[in-house]
Every structure is written in structure tokens, then in C-alpha cells.
Amino acid sequence: MSDWLPSLITKTPTEGYDLAVKLARVAVKLTQPDAAVRDRLRPEYAEDADALIAISQVVATHFATVAAANDYWRQG
């Protein structure tokens, strides 16, 4: 997976959040490269409140990183 992340810079906070979600998804793909295994496990965590909260925390951490890289989208 080379060159899939050329930069953390985004035009808007919404694009930054989308990037944070992508970072989380790519991490899962790299950790478990077998799509069949990911598909088999999805129903388990889709119904698990703790797992859903955990992914929200991961995305929030990634979003904080992206936001900082973008100087929180402030100009000047």
C-alpha cells in the first residue's frame, strides 16, 4: 500500500474527518488483510457497543492528528 497517503493536508474539516475514517479503515485492512475474515467478523463488532465506541476513539485520535496537521483549518 504505497502512496495511498500523499498528505494529511485537507481543504476542509469534513475532508479531514473523512481522511481520519480512511486511516482507521486502512489500519484494519493492514492488520487483517484477509477480506473474508473481516467480513466474517463484521457482524460481531457491528452489534458490540464497546467495539463501536473503540473505533470512534480511534477515528477521533486520527482526526486530531489530521486537524493539527492542517493547523485546525485556520488561515493566517
N, C-alpha and C. Protein backbone atom coordinates (compact mmCIF):
# COMPACT_ATOMS: atom_id res chain seq x y z
N MET A 1 0.83 -1.19 0.00
CA MET A 1 0.00 0.00 0.00
C MET A 1 0.87 1.24 0.00
N SER A 2 1.55 1.48 -1.05
CA SER A 2 2.37 2.67 -1.10
C SER A 2 1.62 3.80 -1.78
N ASP A 3 1.94 5.00 -1.40
CA ASP A 3 1.40 6.22 -2.00
C ASP A 3 -0.11 6.41 -1.82
N TRP A 4 -0.75 5.69 -0.94
CA TRP A 4 -2.18 5.90 -0.72
C TRP A 4 -2.42 7.12 0.17
N LEU A 5 -1.36 7.57 0.85
CA LEU A 5 -1.50 8.72 1.75
C LEU A 5 -0.43 9.75 1.40
N PRO A 6 -0.68 10.54 0.36
CA PRO A 6 0.34 11.51 -0.04
C PRO A 6 0.50 12.67 0.94
N SER A 7 -0.55 12.95 1.73
CA SER A 7 -0.51 14.10 2.64
C SER A 7 -1.64 14.01 3.65
N LEU A 8 -1.44 14.65 4.78
CA LEU A 8 -2.52 14.81 5.77
C LEU A 8 -3.28 16.11 5.55
N ILE A 9 -2.84 16.91 4.61
CA ILE A 9 -3.46 18.21 4.36
C ILE A 9 -4.78 18.02 3.61
N THR A 10 -5.82 18.64 4.13
CA THR A 10 -7.14 18.60 3.50
C THR A 10 -7.68 20.02 3.42
N LYS A 11 -8.65 20.23 2.54
CA LYS A 11 -9.21 21.56 2.36
C LYS A 11 -10.16 21.97 3.47
N THR A 12 -10.88 21.00 4.02
CA THR A 12 -11.92 21.32 5.00
C THR A 12 -11.89 20.33 6.15
N PRO A 13 -12.51 20.69 7.27
CA PRO A 13 -12.64 19.72 8.36
C PRO A 13 -13.39 18.46 7.94
N THR A 14 -14.39 18.60 7.07
CA THR A 14 -15.12 17.42 6.62
C THR A 14 -14.21 16.46 5.87
N GLU A 15 -13.38 17.00 4.98
CA GLU A 15 -12.40 16.15 4.28
C GLU A 15 -11.42 15.56 5.28
N GLY A 16 -11.07 16.32 6.30
CA GLY A 16 -10.17 15.81 7.33
C GLY A 16 -10.78 14.66 8.09
N TYR A 17 -12.06 14.76 8.39
CA TYR A 17 -12.74 13.67 9.10
C TYR A 17 -12.81 12.43 8.21
N ASP A 18 -13.13 12.64 6.94
CA ASP A 18 -13.16 11.51 6.01
C ASP A 18 -11.79 10.82 5.95
N LEU A 19 -10.74 11.61 5.96
CA LEU A 19 -9.39 11.04 5.97
C LEU A 19 -9.14 10.26 7.26
N ALA A 20 -9.60 10.77 8.37
CA ALA A 20 -9.44 10.06 9.64
C ALA A 20 -10.13 8.69 9.61
N VAL A 21 -11.31 8.64 9.03
CA VAL A 21 -12.02 7.37 8.89
C VAL A 21 -11.23 6.43 7.98
N LYS A 22 -10.70 6.98 6.89
CA LYS A 22 -9.91 6.15 5.98
C LYS A 22 -8.67 5.60 6.68
N LEU A 23 -8.02 6.42 7.49
CA LEU A 23 -6.85 5.94 8.23
C LEU A 23 -7.22 4.75 9.11
N ALA A 24 -8.36 4.83 9.77
CA ALA A 24 -8.80 3.74 10.63
C ALA A 24 -9.10 2.49 9.80
N ARG A 25 -9.75 2.66 8.67
CA ARG A 25 -10.10 1.52 7.82
C ARG A 25 -8.86 0.86 7.24
N VAL A 26 -7.90 1.66 6.82
CA VAL A 26 -6.67 1.10 6.27
C VAL A 26 -5.90 0.34 7.35
N ALA A 27 -5.91 0.85 8.56
CA ALA A 27 -5.23 0.14 9.66
C ALA A 27 -5.83 -1.24 9.87
N VAL A 28 -7.16 -1.34 9.79
CA VAL A 28 -7.81 -2.64 9.94
C VAL A 28 -7.42 -3.56 8.79
N LYS A 29 -7.42 -3.03 7.56
CA LYS A 29 -7.04 -3.84 6.40
C LYS A 29 -5.61 -4.34 6.49
N LEU A 30 -4.72 -3.50 6.97
CA LEU A 30 -3.32 -3.91 7.10
C LEU A 30 -3.14 -4.92 8.23
N THR A 31 -3.93 -4.77 9.28
CA THR A 31 -3.85 -5.69 10.41
C THR A 31 -4.45 -7.04 10.06
N GLN A 32 -5.57 -7.03 9.32
CA GLN A 32 -6.22 -8.27 8.89
C GLN A 32 -6.43 -8.19 7.38
N PRO A 33 -5.44 -8.62 6.61
CA PRO A 33 -5.52 -8.49 5.16
C PRO A 33 -6.52 -9.43 4.48
N ASP A 34 -7.03 -10.42 5.18
CA ASP A 34 -7.97 -11.37 4.59
C ASP A 34 -9.39 -10.79 4.63
N ALA A 35 -9.91 -10.41 3.47
CA ALA A 35 -11.23 -9.79 3.39
C ALA A 35 -12.32 -10.73 3.90
N ALA A 36 -12.17 -12.00 3.67
CA ALA A 36 -13.17 -12.97 4.13
C ALA A 36 -13.24 -13.00 5.66
N VAL A 37 -12.10 -12.89 6.31
CA VAL A 37 -12.08 -12.86 7.77
C VAL A 37 -12.74 -11.57 8.26
N ARG A 38 -12.40 -10.44 7.64
CA ARG A 38 -13.02 -9.16 8.04
C ARG A 38 -14.54 -9.23 7.87
N ASP A 39 -14.99 -9.79 6.76
CA ASP A 39 -16.43 -9.91 6.52
C ASP A 39 -17.10 -10.81 7.55
N ARG A 40 -16.42 -11.89 7.93
CA ARG A 40 -16.98 -12.81 8.91
C ARG A 40 -17.09 -12.16 10.29
N LEU A 41 -16.11 -11.31 10.62
CA LEU A 41 -16.09 -10.67 11.94
C LEU A 41 -17.02 -9.46 12.05
N ARG A 42 -17.33 -8.85 10.93
CA ARG A 42 -18.11 -7.61 10.95
C ARG A 42 -19.41 -7.70 11.75
N PRO A 43 -20.22 -8.75 11.59
CA PRO A 43 -21.46 -8.81 12.38
C PRO A 43 -21.21 -8.81 13.89
N GLU A 44 -20.10 -9.38 14.32
CA GLU A 44 -19.80 -9.39 15.76
C GLU A 44 -19.59 -7.99 16.30
N TYR A 45 -18.74 -7.21 15.65
CA TYR A 45 -18.48 -5.88 16.20
C TYR A 45 -19.56 -4.88 15.84
N ALA A 46 -20.35 -5.15 14.82
CA ALA A 46 -21.44 -4.25 14.45
C ALA A 46 -22.52 -4.20 15.53
N GLU A 47 -22.60 -5.23 16.35
CA GLU A 47 -23.59 -5.31 17.42
C GLU A 47 -22.96 -5.11 18.80
N ASP A 48 -21.70 -4.73 18.84
CA ASP A 48 -20.95 -4.61 20.10
C ASP A 48 -20.69 -3.13 20.40
N ALA A 49 -21.41 -2.61 21.39
CA ALA A 49 -21.29 -1.19 21.74
C ALA A 49 -19.85 -0.82 22.10
N ASP A 50 -19.15 -1.67 22.82
CA ASP A 50 -17.77 -1.37 23.19
C ASP A 50 -16.87 -1.27 21.97
N ALA A 51 -17.07 -2.16 21.00
CA ALA A 51 -16.26 -2.12 19.77
C ALA A 51 -16.56 -0.85 18.98
N LEU A 52 -17.83 -0.46 18.93
CA LEU A 52 -18.19 0.76 18.20
C LEU A 52 -17.62 2.00 18.89
N ILE A 53 -17.64 2.03 20.20
CA ILE A 53 -17.03 3.15 20.93
C ILE A 53 -15.52 3.16 20.69
N ALA A 54 -14.90 2.01 20.66
CA ALA A 54 -13.46 1.92 20.44
C ALA A 54 -13.08 2.49 19.08
N ILE A 55 -13.83 2.15 18.03
CA ILE A 55 -13.49 2.69 16.72
C ILE A 55 -13.73 4.19 16.67
N SER A 56 -14.74 4.67 17.40
CA SER A 56 -14.96 6.12 17.47
C SER A 56 -13.75 6.80 18.09
N GLN A 57 -13.16 6.18 19.09
CA GLN A 57 -11.96 6.73 19.73
C GLN A 57 -10.78 6.73 18.77
N VAL A 58 -10.64 5.68 18.00
CA VAL A 58 -9.54 5.61 17.02
C VAL A 58 -9.71 6.71 15.97
N VAL A 59 -10.92 6.85 15.45
CA VAL A 59 -11.17 7.90 14.45
C VAL A 59 -10.91 9.28 15.07
N ALA A 60 -11.33 9.49 16.30
CA ALA A 60 -11.11 10.78 16.96
C ALA A 60 -9.62 11.08 17.08
N THR A 61 -8.84 10.07 17.41
CA THR A 61 -7.38 10.26 17.51
C THR A 61 -6.80 10.63 16.15
N HIS A 62 -7.22 9.90 15.11
CA HIS A 62 -6.74 10.23 13.75
C HIS A 62 -7.19 11.63 13.34
N PHE A 63 -8.43 11.99 13.69
CA PHE A 63 -8.92 13.32 13.32
C PHE A 63 -8.12 14.41 14.02
N ALA A 64 -7.76 14.19 15.27
CA ALA A 64 -6.94 15.17 15.98
C ALA A 64 -5.59 15.36 15.28
N THR A 65 -5.02 14.28 14.80
CA THR A 65 -3.75 14.36 14.08
C THR A 65 -3.91 15.13 12.78
N VAL A 66 -4.95 14.81 12.02
CA VAL A 66 -5.20 15.50 10.75
C VAL A 66 -5.49 16.98 11.01
N ALA A 67 -6.29 17.27 12.02
CA ALA A 67 -6.62 18.67 12.34
C ALA A 67 -5.36 19.46 12.70
N ALA A 68 -4.49 18.87 13.49
CA ALA A 68 -3.24 19.55 13.85
C ALA A 68 -2.38 19.79 12.62
N ALA A 69 -2.32 18.80 11.73
CA ALA A 69 -1.53 18.95 10.51
C ALA A 69 -2.06 20.06 9.64
N ASN A 70 -3.36 20.34 9.76
CA ASN A 70 -4.00 21.40 8.97
C ASN A 70 -4.14 22.70 9.75
N ASP A 71 -3.40 22.81 10.84
CA ASP A 71 -3.47 24.00 11.69
C ASP A 71 -4.92 24.32 12.03
N TYR A 72 -5.69 23.26 12.25
CA TYR A 72 -7.11 23.37 12.61
C TYR A 72 -7.90 24.23 11.63
N TRP A 73 -7.45 24.23 10.39
CA TRP A 73 -8.11 24.90 9.27
C TRP A 73 -8.23 26.41 9.47
N ARG A 74 -7.32 26.95 10.27
CA ARG A 74 -7.27 28.41 10.43
C ARG A 74 -6.37 29.01 9.38
N GLN A 75 -6.78 30.13 8.86
CA GLN A 75 -5.95 30.87 7.89
C GLN A 75 -5.17 31.94 8.63
N GLY A 76 -3.93 32.13 8.18
CA GLY A 76 -3.11 33.22 8.69
C GLY A 76 -2.87 33.11 10.11
